Amino acid sequence: MLMEMPLVLVMVFFSVVCHEIAHGYTAYRLGDPTASRMGRLSFNPIVHVDLFGTIILPAILVLTHSPFLFAWAKPVPVNPAYFRDPKKGMMLVAIAGPATNLLIAIALAVLLFLTGSFLPAFLTKTFAYVSVINVMLMVFNLVPIPPLDGSRIVARFLKGKTLFNYMKLERYGMFIVFALLFTGVISSILYPAMNLSVRLLGLAQYLR
């Protein structure tokens, strides 16, 4: 894994950038120019770097030999006031990020299927790792805890006081997420997702 790690980190960061651009582009197509005006619909990595989520956290996970690798980029700004239906718009914006991670995972699996026998072993292993990590990023972001993407999907179907109380969790959201990470609750969701993705995408032979 040592040989693959630098390229894995680069590709995971690129995947996270694509995730954020998908949010911003979807918002733009729905009428919100905020991300575009702020220069966030860009593949320039500098505009997406979040000191903790992009650099510190992944480094900690690598150094502690964590079985999972997480990272996030600076969230793309979205203003739902531009949307004809703000709740539906936010749901569509939220779905775009995890959907992009799924597409990246599938694209890498297809690339391996077509060219895996011709590529060096470290490249096939890298692509397989990044494919699996993208599936885990998708699943992780769909956890329905504000401010993760899954919460925006759930919020679409809530009303009144229930919605208000649910969204109040956002101020504690990242503390809740880290608590679930360290207690193994999220791992219990991600391990089955990882194993299922390895089987369905045919990646097992490249991860040996």
N, C-alpha and C. Protein backbone atom coordinates (compact mmCIF):
# COMPACT_ATOMS: atom_id res chain seq x y z
N MET A 1 0.82 -1.21 0.00
CA MET A 1 0.00 0.00 0.00
C MET A 1 0.86 1.26 0.00
N LEU A 2 2.09 1.18 0.48
CA LEU A 2 2.95 2.35 0.57
C LEU A 2 3.20 2.97 -0.80
N MET A 3 3.40 2.13 -1.82
CA MET A 3 3.66 2.64 -3.15
C MET A 3 2.43 3.35 -3.71
N GLU A 4 1.25 2.83 -3.42
CA GLU A 4 0.03 3.38 -3.97
C GLU A 4 -0.47 4.62 -3.23
N MET A 5 -0.07 4.80 -1.95
CA MET A 5 -0.67 5.82 -1.10
C MET A 5 -0.63 7.23 -1.67
N PRO A 6 0.50 7.74 -2.18
CA PRO A 6 0.48 9.12 -2.70
C PRO A 6 -0.54 9.32 -3.82
N LEU A 7 -0.60 8.37 -4.76
CA LEU A 7 -1.55 8.50 -5.85
C LEU A 7 -2.99 8.33 -5.36
N VAL A 8 -3.19 7.43 -4.40
CA VAL A 8 -4.52 7.26 -3.81
C VAL A 8 -4.99 8.57 -3.19
N LEU A 9 -4.12 9.23 -2.42
CA LEU A 9 -4.48 10.49 -1.77
C LEU A 9 -4.84 11.56 -2.80
N VAL A 10 -4.04 11.64 -3.87
CA VAL A 10 -4.32 12.62 -4.92
C VAL A 10 -5.67 12.35 -5.56
N MET A 11 -5.94 11.07 -5.88
CA MET A 11 -7.18 10.73 -6.56
C MET A 11 -8.39 10.88 -5.65
N VAL A 12 -8.21 10.60 -4.36
CA VAL A 12 -9.31 10.79 -3.41
C VAL A 12 -9.63 12.28 -3.30
N PHE A 13 -8.60 13.11 -3.23
CA PHE A 13 -8.85 14.54 -3.17
C PHE A 13 -9.56 15.03 -4.43
N PHE A 14 -9.13 14.53 -5.59
CA PHE A 14 -9.81 14.88 -6.84
C PHE A 14 -11.28 14.44 -6.79
N SER A 15 -11.54 13.28 -6.21
CA SER A 15 -12.91 12.79 -6.09
C SER A 15 -13.74 13.70 -5.21
N VAL A 16 -13.14 14.18 -4.11
CA VAL A 16 -13.83 15.08 -3.21
C VAL A 16 -14.11 16.42 -3.89
N VAL A 17 -13.15 16.90 -4.68
CA VAL A 17 -13.35 18.13 -5.44
C VAL A 17 -14.51 17.96 -6.42
N CYS A 18 -14.54 16.82 -7.12
CA CYS A 18 -15.64 16.54 -8.05
C CYS A 18 -16.98 16.52 -7.32
N HIS A 19 -16.98 15.97 -6.12
CA HIS A 19 -18.18 15.93 -5.28
C HIS A 19 -18.70 17.34 -5.03
N GLU A 20 -17.79 18.25 -4.64
CA GLU A 20 -18.20 19.62 -4.35
C GLU A 20 -18.61 20.38 -5.61
N ILE A 21 -17.89 20.17 -6.69
CA ILE A 21 -18.25 20.83 -7.96
C ILE A 21 -19.65 20.38 -8.40
N ALA A 22 -19.96 19.10 -8.17
CA ALA A 22 -21.28 18.59 -8.54
C ALA A 22 -22.37 19.31 -7.76
N HIS A 23 -22.13 19.56 -6.47
CA HIS A 23 -23.08 20.35 -5.69
C HIS A 23 -23.28 21.72 -6.32
N GLY A 24 -22.15 22.41 -6.57
CA GLY A 24 -22.22 23.77 -7.09
C GLY A 24 -22.83 23.85 -8.47
N TYR A 25 -22.49 22.88 -9.34
CA TYR A 25 -23.00 22.91 -10.70
C TYR A 25 -24.51 22.64 -10.72
N THR A 26 -24.94 21.71 -9.87
CA THR A 26 -26.38 21.42 -9.78
C THR A 26 -27.13 22.65 -9.30
N ALA A 27 -26.58 23.31 -8.29
CA ALA A 27 -27.20 24.55 -7.80
C ALA A 27 -27.25 25.60 -8.91
N TYR A 28 -26.17 25.69 -9.69
CA TYR A 28 -26.11 26.64 -10.80
C TYR A 28 -27.20 26.35 -11.83
N ARG A 29 -27.38 25.07 -12.15
CA ARG A 29 -28.40 24.70 -13.13
C ARG A 29 -29.81 24.97 -12.59
N LEU A 30 -29.94 24.99 -11.27
CA LEU A 30 -31.24 25.28 -10.66
C LEU A 30 -31.46 26.77 -10.43
N GLY A 31 -30.47 27.58 -10.84
CA GLY A 31 -30.65 29.02 -10.77
C GLY A 31 -29.80 29.76 -9.76
N ASP A 32 -28.96 29.05 -9.00
CA ASP A 32 -28.14 29.69 -7.98
C ASP A 32 -26.73 29.95 -8.54
N PRO A 33 -26.34 31.22 -8.74
CA PRO A 33 -25.03 31.52 -9.31
C PRO A 33 -23.93 31.69 -8.26
N THR A 34 -24.24 31.44 -6.99
CA THR A 34 -23.30 31.76 -5.90
C THR A 34 -21.94 31.10 -6.09
N ALA A 35 -21.93 29.77 -6.26
CA ALA A 35 -20.66 29.06 -6.39
C ALA A 35 -19.89 29.51 -7.62
N SER A 36 -20.60 29.75 -8.71
CA SER A 36 -19.96 30.19 -9.94
C SER A 36 -19.30 31.55 -9.74
N ARG A 37 -20.02 32.48 -9.11
CA ARG A 37 -19.49 33.82 -8.89
C ARG A 37 -18.27 33.81 -7.96
N MET A 38 -18.21 32.83 -7.06
CA MET A 38 -17.10 32.74 -6.12
C MET A 38 -15.94 31.90 -6.66
N GLY A 39 -16.05 31.47 -7.92
CA GLY A 39 -14.97 30.71 -8.54
C GLY A 39 -14.85 29.29 -8.04
N ARG A 40 -15.94 28.73 -7.49
CA ARG A 40 -15.87 27.40 -6.92
C ARG A 40 -16.23 26.29 -7.90
N LEU A 41 -16.67 26.63 -9.10
CA LEU A 41 -16.91 25.60 -10.12
C LEU A 41 -15.62 25.41 -10.90
N SER A 42 -14.58 25.07 -10.19
CA SER A 42 -13.23 25.01 -10.76
C SER A 42 -12.54 23.74 -10.28
N PHE A 43 -11.69 23.18 -11.15
CA PHE A 43 -10.89 22.03 -10.75
C PHE A 43 -9.54 22.46 -10.16
N ASN A 44 -9.36 23.76 -9.97
CA ASN A 44 -8.17 24.25 -9.26
C ASN A 44 -8.26 23.79 -7.82
N PRO A 45 -7.36 22.90 -7.37
CA PRO A 45 -7.49 22.33 -6.03
C PRO A 45 -7.38 23.35 -4.91
N ILE A 46 -6.67 24.45 -5.15
CA ILE A 46 -6.43 25.42 -4.09
C ILE A 46 -7.73 26.02 -3.56
N VAL A 47 -8.70 26.25 -4.46
CA VAL A 47 -9.94 26.91 -4.03
C VAL A 47 -10.83 25.97 -3.22
N HIS A 48 -10.49 24.68 -3.20
CA HIS A 48 -11.33 23.70 -2.51
C HIS A 48 -10.69 23.17 -1.23
N VAL A 49 -9.46 23.56 -0.94
CA VAL A 49 -8.75 22.98 0.21
C VAL A 49 -9.35 23.46 1.52
N ASP A 50 -9.67 22.51 2.38
CA ASP A 50 -10.08 22.77 3.76
C ASP A 50 -8.95 22.24 4.64
N LEU A 51 -8.36 23.08 5.47
CA LEU A 51 -7.17 22.71 6.22
C LEU A 51 -7.36 21.42 7.00
N PHE A 52 -8.47 21.30 7.71
CA PHE A 52 -8.68 20.09 8.52
C PHE A 52 -9.14 18.92 7.67
N GLY A 53 -10.20 19.14 6.89
CA GLY A 53 -10.81 18.03 6.16
C GLY A 53 -9.98 17.50 5.01
N THR A 54 -9.16 18.38 4.40
CA THR A 54 -8.38 17.97 3.24
C THR A 54 -6.98 17.52 3.59
N ILE A 55 -6.42 18.07 4.65
CA ILE A 55 -5.01 17.80 4.97
C ILE A 55 -4.83 17.07 6.30
N ILE A 56 -5.34 17.68 7.38
CA ILE A 56 -5.05 17.15 8.72
C ILE A 56 -5.72 15.80 8.96
N LEU A 57 -7.03 15.71 8.71
CA LEU A 57 -7.74 14.46 8.99
C LEU A 57 -7.22 13.29 8.17
N PRO A 58 -7.07 13.42 6.83
CA PRO A 58 -6.51 12.29 6.08
C PRO A 58 -5.12 11.87 6.57
N ALA A 59 -4.29 12.86 6.95
CA ALA A 59 -2.96 12.55 7.45
C ALA A 59 -3.04 11.74 8.75
N ILE A 60 -3.96 12.13 9.64
CA ILE A 60 -4.14 11.41 10.90
C ILE A 60 -4.58 9.98 10.63
N LEU A 61 -5.53 9.82 9.71
CA LEU A 61 -6.06 8.48 9.40
C LEU A 61 -4.98 7.59 8.79
N VAL A 62 -4.14 8.17 7.93
CA VAL A 62 -3.05 7.39 7.33
C VAL A 62 -2.03 7.00 8.40
N LEU A 63 -1.65 7.96 9.25
CA LEU A 63 -0.62 7.70 10.26
C LEU A 63 -1.09 6.72 11.34
N THR A 64 -2.39 6.69 11.61
CA THR A 64 -2.93 5.77 12.61
C THR A 64 -3.38 4.44 11.99
N HIS A 65 -3.09 4.26 10.70
CA HIS A 65 -3.44 3.02 9.98
C HIS A 65 -4.92 2.73 10.06
N SER A 66 -5.72 3.78 9.91
CA SER A 66 -7.17 3.61 9.91
C SER A 66 -7.59 2.74 8.73
N PRO A 67 -8.58 1.86 8.94
CA PRO A 67 -9.05 1.04 7.81
C PRO A 67 -9.83 1.86 6.78
N PHE A 68 -10.22 3.08 7.17
CA PHE A 68 -10.97 3.94 6.26
C PHE A 68 -10.22 5.24 6.06
N LEU A 69 -10.38 5.80 4.87
CA LEU A 69 -9.77 7.08 4.54
C LEU A 69 -10.87 8.06 4.21
N PHE A 70 -10.97 9.14 4.99
CA PHE A 70 -11.97 10.16 4.77
C PHE A 70 -11.31 11.49 4.47
N ALA A 71 -11.99 12.29 3.70
CA ALA A 71 -11.53 13.65 3.44
C ALA A 71 -12.71 14.45 2.96
N TRP A 72 -12.61 15.74 3.11
CA TRP A 72 -13.62 16.60 2.50
C TRP A 72 -12.97 17.89 2.06
N ALA A 73 -13.59 18.52 1.10
CA ALA A 73 -13.13 19.81 0.62
C ALA A 73 -13.98 20.91 1.25
N LYS A 74 -13.57 22.15 1.05
CA LYS A 74 -14.35 23.28 1.55
C LYS A 74 -15.72 23.23 0.90
N PRO A 75 -16.79 23.25 1.71
CA PRO A 75 -18.13 23.14 1.13
C PRO A 75 -18.41 24.26 0.12
N VAL A 76 -19.06 23.89 -0.97
CA VAL A 76 -19.46 24.87 -1.97
C VAL A 76 -20.66 25.66 -1.43
N PRO A 77 -20.62 26.99 -1.52
CA PRO A 77 -21.76 27.78 -1.03
C PRO A 77 -22.98 27.63 -1.92
N VAL A 78 -24.12 27.43 -1.28
CA VAL A 78 -25.39 27.28 -2.01
C VAL A 78 -26.42 28.18 -1.34
N ASN A 79 -27.16 28.92 -2.13
CA ASN A 79 -28.21 29.80 -1.62
C ASN A 79 -29.56 29.31 -2.13
N PRO A 80 -30.30 28.59 -1.29
CA PRO A 80 -31.57 28.00 -1.75
C PRO A 80 -32.64 29.04 -2.09
N ALA A 81 -32.40 30.32 -1.73
CA ALA A 81 -33.38 31.36 -2.07
C ALA A 81 -33.55 31.50 -3.58
N TYR A 82 -32.55 31.07 -4.34
CA TYR A 82 -32.64 31.14 -5.80
C TYR A 82 -33.50 30.02 -6.39
N PHE A 83 -33.80 28.99 -5.62
CA PHE A 83 -34.50 27.83 -6.16
C PHE A 83 -36.01 28.08 -6.17
N ARG A 84 -36.66 27.57 -7.20
CA ARG A 84 -38.12 27.67 -7.27
C ARG A 84 -38.76 26.93 -6.09
N ASP A 85 -38.21 25.77 -5.78
CA ASP A 85 -38.66 24.98 -4.63
C ASP A 85 -37.41 24.72 -3.78
N PRO A 86 -37.15 25.55 -2.73
CA PRO A 86 -35.90 25.45 -1.98
C PRO A 86 -35.61 24.07 -1.39
N LYS A 87 -36.62 23.41 -0.82
CA LYS A 87 -36.38 22.10 -0.20
C LYS A 87 -36.04 21.05 -1.26
N LYS A 88 -36.77 21.06 -2.36
CA LYS A 88 -36.47 20.11 -3.43
C LYS A 88 -35.12 20.44 -4.07
N GLY A 89 -34.84 21.72 -4.24
CA GLY A 89 -33.56 22.13 -4.81
C GLY A 89 -32.39 21.67 -3.97
N MET A 90 -32.49 21.86 -2.64
CA MET A 90 -31.41 21.43 -1.75
C MET A 90 -31.25 19.92 -1.78
N MET A 91 -32.36 19.19 -1.93
CA MET A 91 -32.26 17.74 -2.02
C MET A 91 -31.50 17.34 -3.29
N LEU A 92 -31.82 17.97 -4.41
CA LEU A 92 -31.14 17.65 -5.67
C LEU A 92 -29.66 18.01 -5.61
N VAL A 93 -29.35 19.15 -5.00
CA VAL A 93 -27.96 19.56 -4.83
C VAL A 93 -27.23 18.54 -3.97
N ALA A 94 -27.88 18.09 -2.90
CA ALA A 94 -27.26 17.11 -1.99
C ALA A 94 -27.00 15.78 -2.70
N ILE A 95 -27.96 15.31 -3.48
CA ILE A 95 -27.82 14.03 -4.17
C ILE A 95 -26.67 14.06 -5.16
N ALA A 96 -26.41 15.22 -5.77
CA ALA A 96 -25.40 15.33 -6.82
C ALA A 96 -24.02 14.91 -6.35
N GLY A 97 -23.66 15.23 -5.10
CA GLY A 97 -22.33 14.90 -4.61
C GLY A 97 -22.10 13.40 -4.48
N PRO A 98 -22.91 12.69 -3.70
CA PRO A 98 -22.75 11.23 -3.60
C PRO A 98 -22.91 10.53 -4.94
N ALA A 99 -23.82 11.03 -5.81
CA ALA A 99 -23.99 10.41 -7.12
C ALA A 99 -22.70 10.50 -7.93
N THR A 100 -21.99 11.61 -7.78
CA THR A 100 -20.71 11.77 -8.48
C THR A 100 -19.69 10.76 -7.98
N ASN A 101 -19.64 10.54 -6.66
CA ASN A 101 -18.73 9.54 -6.12
C ASN A 101 -19.05 8.15 -6.65
N LEU A 102 -20.33 7.84 -6.77
CA LEU A 102 -20.72 6.54 -7.32
C LEU A 102 -20.28 6.41 -8.78
N LEU A 103 -20.45 7.46 -9.56
CA LEU A 103 -20.04 7.43 -10.96
C LEU A 103 -18.52 7.25 -11.09
N ILE A 104 -17.76 7.91 -10.21
CA ILE A 104 -16.30 7.75 -10.23
C ILE A 104 -15.94 6.30 -9.91
N ALA A 105 -16.60 5.73 -8.90
CA ALA A 105 -16.32 4.34 -8.52
C ALA A 105 -16.60 3.40 -9.68
N ILE A 106 -17.73 3.58 -10.35
CA ILE A 106 -18.09 2.72 -11.47
C ILE A 106 -17.13 2.92 -12.64
N ALA A 107 -16.77 4.17 -12.92
CA ALA A 107 -15.86 4.47 -14.03
C ALA A 107 -14.51 3.79 -13.82
N LEU A 108 -13.99 3.83 -12.59
CA LEU A 108 -12.71 3.18 -12.31
C LEU A 108 -12.82 1.67 -12.43
N ALA A 109 -13.94 1.11 -11.99
CA ALA A 109 -14.14 -0.34 -12.11
C ALA A 109 -14.21 -0.76 -13.58
N VAL A 110 -14.89 0.04 -14.40
CA VAL A 110 -14.96 -0.24 -15.83
C VAL A 110 -13.58 -0.13 -16.47
N LEU A 111 -12.82 0.89 -16.06
CA LEU A 111 -11.46 1.05 -16.58
C LEU A 111 -10.60 -0.17 -16.24
N LEU A 112 -10.75 -0.67 -15.02
CA LEU A 112 -9.99 -1.86 -14.63
C LEU A 112 -10.43 -3.07 -15.43
N PHE A 113 -11.71 -3.19 -15.66
CA PHE A 113 -12.23 -4.33 -16.43
C PHE A 113 -11.67 -4.33 -17.85
N LEU A 114 -11.55 -3.12 -18.42
CA LEU A 114 -11.10 -3.01 -19.81
C LEU A 114 -9.59 -3.07 -19.96
N THR A 115 -8.86 -2.55 -18.98
CA THR A 115 -7.41 -2.40 -19.15
C THR A 115 -6.59 -3.03 -18.03
N GLY A 116 -7.26 -3.61 -17.03
CA GLY A 116 -6.54 -4.10 -15.85
C GLY A 116 -5.41 -5.06 -16.16
N SER A 117 -5.58 -5.89 -17.15
CA SER A 117 -4.55 -6.89 -17.46
C SER A 117 -3.31 -6.28 -18.11
N PHE A 118 -3.43 -5.01 -18.55
CA PHE A 118 -2.29 -4.35 -19.20
C PHE A 118 -1.58 -3.35 -18.29
N LEU A 119 -2.20 -3.01 -17.16
CA LEU A 119 -1.66 -1.97 -16.29
C LEU A 119 -0.70 -2.55 -15.25
N PRO A 120 0.27 -1.75 -14.77
CA PRO A 120 1.13 -2.20 -13.67
C PRO A 120 0.30 -2.49 -12.42
N ALA A 121 0.78 -3.40 -11.60
CA ALA A 121 0.02 -3.82 -10.42
C ALA A 121 -0.30 -2.67 -9.49
N PHE A 122 0.65 -1.73 -9.32
CA PHE A 122 0.39 -0.64 -8.38
C PHE A 122 -0.73 0.27 -8.88
N LEU A 123 -0.88 0.38 -10.21
CA LEU A 123 -1.96 1.21 -10.75
C LEU A 123 -3.31 0.53 -10.60
N THR A 124 -3.36 -0.77 -10.86
CA THR A 124 -4.64 -1.48 -10.71
C THR A 124 -5.09 -1.45 -9.25
N LYS A 125 -4.13 -1.61 -8.34
CA LYS A 125 -4.49 -1.56 -6.92
C LYS A 125 -4.93 -0.17 -6.52
N THR A 126 -4.27 0.84 -7.05
CA THR A 126 -4.65 2.23 -6.76
C THR A 126 -6.07 2.51 -7.23
N PHE A 127 -6.37 2.15 -8.47
CA PHE A 127 -7.70 2.40 -9.00
C PHE A 127 -8.77 1.64 -8.21
N ALA A 128 -8.44 0.42 -7.81
CA ALA A 128 -9.39 -0.37 -7.03
C ALA A 128 -9.64 0.27 -5.66
N TYR A 129 -8.57 0.70 -4.99
CA TYR A 129 -8.72 1.37 -3.70
C TYR A 129 -9.58 2.62 -3.84
N VAL A 130 -9.28 3.43 -4.84
CA VAL A 130 -10.00 4.69 -5.01
C VAL A 130 -11.47 4.44 -5.37
N SER A 131 -11.72 3.40 -6.13
CA SER A 131 -13.10 3.04 -6.44
C SER A 131 -13.87 2.71 -5.16
N VAL A 132 -13.27 1.88 -4.31
CA VAL A 132 -13.92 1.51 -3.05
C VAL A 132 -14.09 2.73 -2.16
N ILE A 133 -13.08 3.57 -2.08
CA ILE A 133 -13.16 4.76 -1.24
C ILE A 133 -14.28 5.68 -1.71
N ASN A 134 -14.48 5.78 -3.02
CA ASN A 134 -15.57 6.60 -3.53
C ASN A 134 -16.93 6.04 -3.12
N VAL A 135 -17.07 4.74 -3.10
CA VAL A 135 -18.31 4.15 -2.62
C VAL A 135 -18.52 4.51 -1.15
N MET A 136 -17.45 4.43 -0.36
CA MET A 136 -17.57 4.75 1.06
C MET A 136 -17.85 6.24 1.28
N LEU A 137 -17.27 7.10 0.43
CA LEU A 137 -17.59 8.52 0.52
C LEU A 137 -19.06 8.76 0.22
N MET A 138 -19.58 8.04 -0.77
CA MET A 138 -20.99 8.16 -1.09
C MET A 138 -21.86 7.76 0.10
N VAL A 139 -21.57 6.59 0.66
CA VAL A 139 -22.38 6.08 1.77
C VAL A 139 -22.25 6.99 2.99
N PHE A 140 -21.01 7.41 3.28
CA PHE A 140 -20.78 8.29 4.43
C PHE A 140 -21.57 9.59 4.29
N ASN A 141 -21.55 10.18 3.11
CA ASN A 141 -22.26 11.45 2.92
C ASN A 141 -23.77 11.29 2.94
N LEU A 142 -24.25 10.08 2.73
CA LEU A 142 -25.69 9.85 2.77
C LEU A 142 -26.21 9.55 4.18
N VAL A 143 -25.31 9.48 5.17
CA VAL A 143 -25.75 9.34 6.55
C VAL A 143 -26.60 10.57 6.90
N PRO A 144 -27.81 10.39 7.43
CA PRO A 144 -28.74 11.52 7.59
C PRO A 144 -28.49 12.36 8.85
N ILE A 145 -27.27 12.84 9.00
CA ILE A 145 -26.91 13.71 10.12
C ILE A 145 -26.50 15.06 9.54
N PRO A 146 -27.22 16.14 9.89
CA PRO A 146 -26.80 17.46 9.40
C PRO A 146 -25.36 17.75 9.84
N PRO A 147 -24.49 18.27 8.98
CA PRO A 147 -24.78 18.84 7.66
C PRO A 147 -24.47 17.90 6.50
N LEU A 148 -24.37 16.58 6.74
CA LEU A 148 -24.06 15.66 5.65
C LEU A 148 -25.20 15.66 4.62
N ASP A 149 -24.88 15.23 3.42
CA ASP A 149 -25.84 15.31 2.32
C ASP A 149 -27.13 14.56 2.61
N GLY A 150 -27.02 13.46 3.33
CA GLY A 150 -28.21 12.68 3.63
C GLY A 150 -29.26 13.47 4.38
N SER A 151 -28.82 14.44 5.19
CA SER A 151 -29.78 15.24 5.96
C SER A 151 -30.61 16.14 5.05
N ARG A 152 -30.02 16.60 3.95
CA ARG A 152 -30.77 17.47 3.01
C ARG A 152 -31.84 16.67 2.29
N ILE A 153 -31.57 15.38 2.11
CA ILE A 153 -32.57 14.52 1.46
C ILE A 153 -33.72 14.26 2.43
N VAL A 154 -33.38 13.95 3.69
CA VAL A 154 -34.42 13.73 4.70
C VAL A 154 -35.24 15.00 4.91
N ALA A 155 -34.57 16.16 4.94
CA ALA A 155 -35.25 17.43 5.19
C ALA A 155 -36.33 17.72 4.16
N ARG A 156 -36.14 17.21 2.95
CA ARG A 156 -37.13 17.44 1.88
C ARG A 156 -38.50 16.92 2.28
N PHE A 157 -38.55 15.92 3.16
CA PHE A 157 -39.81 15.27 3.49
C PHE A 157 -40.31 15.61 4.89
N LEU A 158 -39.65 16.57 5.55
CA LEU A 158 -40.07 17.01 6.87
C LEU A 158 -40.71 18.38 6.80
N LYS A 159 -41.55 18.68 7.78
CA LYS A 159 -42.22 19.97 7.80
C LYS A 159 -42.26 20.54 9.22
N GLY A 160 -42.49 21.84 9.29
CA GLY A 160 -42.78 22.51 10.55
C GLY A 160 -41.76 22.29 11.64
N LYS A 161 -42.25 22.00 12.83
CA LYS A 161 -41.40 21.87 14.01
C LYS A 161 -40.44 20.69 13.88
N THR A 162 -40.90 19.63 13.23
CA THR A 162 -40.03 18.46 13.05
C THR A 162 -38.81 18.83 12.22
N LEU A 163 -39.02 19.57 11.14
CA LEU A 163 -37.91 20.03 10.31
C LEU A 163 -37.01 20.97 11.09
N PHE A 164 -37.60 21.90 11.82
CA PHE A 164 -36.83 22.88 12.60
C PHE A 164 -35.92 22.17 13.61
N ASN A 165 -36.50 21.23 14.36
CA ASN A 165 -35.71 20.52 15.37
C ASN A 165 -34.63 19.65 14.74
N TYR A 166 -34.96 19.05 13.60
CA TYR A 166 -33.98 18.21 12.91
C TYR A 166 -32.78 19.04 12.45
N MET A 167 -33.04 20.19 11.84
CA MET A 167 -31.96 21.01 11.32
C MET A 167 -31.17 21.68 12.44
N LYS A 168 -31.75 21.77 13.65
CA LYS A 168 -31.00 22.32 14.79
C LYS A 168 -29.81 21.43 15.16
N LEU A 169 -29.88 20.17 14.74
CA LEU A 169 -28.77 19.25 15.01
C LEU A 169 -27.50 19.66 14.28
N GLU A 170 -27.63 20.53 13.26
CA GLU A 170 -26.46 20.86 12.44
C GLU A 170 -25.33 21.46 13.25
N ARG A 171 -25.67 22.24 14.28
CA ARG A 171 -24.60 22.86 15.08
C ARG A 171 -23.77 21.82 15.83
N TYR A 172 -24.36 20.64 16.05
CA TYR A 172 -23.62 19.56 16.73
C TYR A 172 -23.24 18.43 15.76
N GLY A 173 -23.55 18.63 14.48
CA GLY A 173 -23.46 17.54 13.52
C GLY A 173 -22.11 16.87 13.45
N MET A 174 -21.05 17.65 13.32
CA MET A 174 -19.73 17.05 13.16
C MET A 174 -19.28 16.34 14.44
N PHE A 175 -19.70 16.84 15.60
CA PHE A 175 -19.39 16.14 16.85
C PHE A 175 -20.09 14.78 16.88
N ILE A 176 -21.34 14.76 16.41
CA ILE A 176 -22.09 13.50 16.35
C ILE A 176 -21.41 12.54 15.38
N VAL A 177 -21.00 13.06 14.22
CA VAL A 177 -20.35 12.23 13.21
C VAL A 177 -19.07 11.60 13.76
N PHE A 178 -18.23 12.42 14.41
CA PHE A 178 -16.97 11.89 14.94
C PHE A 178 -17.23 10.90 16.07
N ALA A 179 -18.26 11.15 16.87
CA ALA A 179 -18.60 10.20 17.93
C ALA A 179 -19.00 8.85 17.33
N LEU A 180 -19.80 8.90 16.27
CA LEU A 180 -20.22 7.66 15.60
C LEU A 180 -19.04 6.97 14.92
N LEU A 181 -18.08 7.77 14.41
CA LEU A 181 -16.88 7.19 13.82
C LEU A 181 -16.07 6.45 14.85
N PHE A 182 -15.82 7.10 15.99
CA PHE A 182 -14.94 6.52 16.99
C PHE A 182 -15.61 5.39 17.78
N THR A 183 -16.93 5.36 17.80
CA THR A 183 -17.61 4.25 18.48
C THR A 183 -17.87 3.07 17.55
N GLY A 184 -17.55 3.25 16.28
CA GLY A 184 -17.68 2.15 15.34
C GLY A 184 -19.03 2.02 14.68
N VAL A 185 -19.96 2.95 14.98
CA VAL A 185 -21.30 2.86 14.40
C VAL A 185 -21.24 3.05 12.88
N ILE A 186 -20.50 4.07 12.44
CA ILE A 186 -20.41 4.32 11.01
C ILE A 186 -19.63 3.21 10.32
N SER A 187 -18.63 2.66 11.02
CA SER A 187 -17.88 1.53 10.45
C SER A 187 -18.81 0.36 10.16
N SER A 188 -19.81 0.17 11.03
CA SER A 188 -20.74 -0.95 10.84
C SER A 188 -21.60 -0.74 9.60
N ILE A 189 -21.69 0.50 9.13
CA ILE A 189 -22.39 0.79 7.89
C ILE A 189 -21.44 0.69 6.70
N LEU A 190 -20.22 1.19 6.89
CA LEU A 190 -19.27 1.27 5.78
C LEU A 190 -18.66 -0.08 5.42
N TYR A 191 -18.41 -0.94 6.40
CA TYR A 191 -17.83 -2.25 6.08
C TYR A 191 -18.71 -3.05 5.13
N PRO A 192 -20.02 -3.18 5.40
CA PRO A 192 -20.86 -3.91 4.43
C PRO A 192 -20.87 -3.22 3.06
N ALA A 193 -20.88 -1.86 3.05
CA ALA A 193 -20.87 -1.15 1.77
C ALA A 193 -19.58 -1.43 1.02
N MET A 194 -18.47 -1.47 1.75
CA MET A 194 -17.17 -1.75 1.13
C MET A 194 -17.16 -3.16 0.54
N ASN A 195 -17.59 -4.12 1.33
CA ASN A 195 -17.58 -5.51 0.86
C ASN A 195 -18.52 -5.71 -0.34
N LEU A 196 -19.68 -5.06 -0.29
CA LEU A 196 -20.63 -5.18 -1.40
C LEU A 196 -20.06 -4.54 -2.67
N SER A 197 -19.42 -3.39 -2.52
CA SER A 197 -18.85 -2.72 -3.70
C SER A 197 -17.73 -3.54 -4.32
N VAL A 198 -16.92 -4.19 -3.48
CA VAL A 198 -15.84 -5.03 -4.00
C VAL A 198 -16.41 -6.16 -4.84
N ARG A 199 -17.51 -6.76 -4.36
CA ARG A 199 -18.13 -7.86 -5.10
C ARG A 199 -18.81 -7.38 -6.37
N LEU A 200 -19.64 -6.34 -6.24
CA LEU A 200 -20.43 -5.90 -7.39
C LEU A 200 -19.57 -5.28 -8.49
N LEU A 201 -18.48 -4.60 -8.10
CA LEU A 201 -17.64 -3.94 -9.08
C LEU A 201 -16.48 -4.82 -9.55
N GLY A 202 -16.41 -6.03 -9.02
CA GLY A 202 -15.38 -6.97 -9.47
C GLY A 202 -13.96 -6.53 -9.11
N LEU A 203 -13.78 -5.99 -7.91
CA LEU A 203 -12.48 -5.42 -7.54
C LEU A 203 -11.60 -6.36 -6.73
N ALA A 204 -12.15 -7.48 -6.29
CA ALA A 204 -11.41 -8.35 -5.36
C ALA A 204 -10.05 -8.77 -5.93
N GLN A 205 -10.01 -9.09 -7.21
CA GLN A 205 -8.75 -9.59 -7.80
C GLN A 205 -7.65 -8.53 -7.80
N TYR A 206 -8.03 -7.25 -7.72
CA TYR A 206 -7.03 -6.18 -7.75
C TYR A 206 -6.60 -5.73 -6.35
N LEU A 207 -7.27 -6.23 -5.32
CA LEU A 207 -6.97 -5.81 -3.96
C LEU A 207 -6.19 -6.84 -3.18
N ARG A 208 -5.80 -7.93 -3.82
CA ARG A 208 -5.05 -8.98 -3.13
C ARG A 208 -3.65 -8.51 -2.81
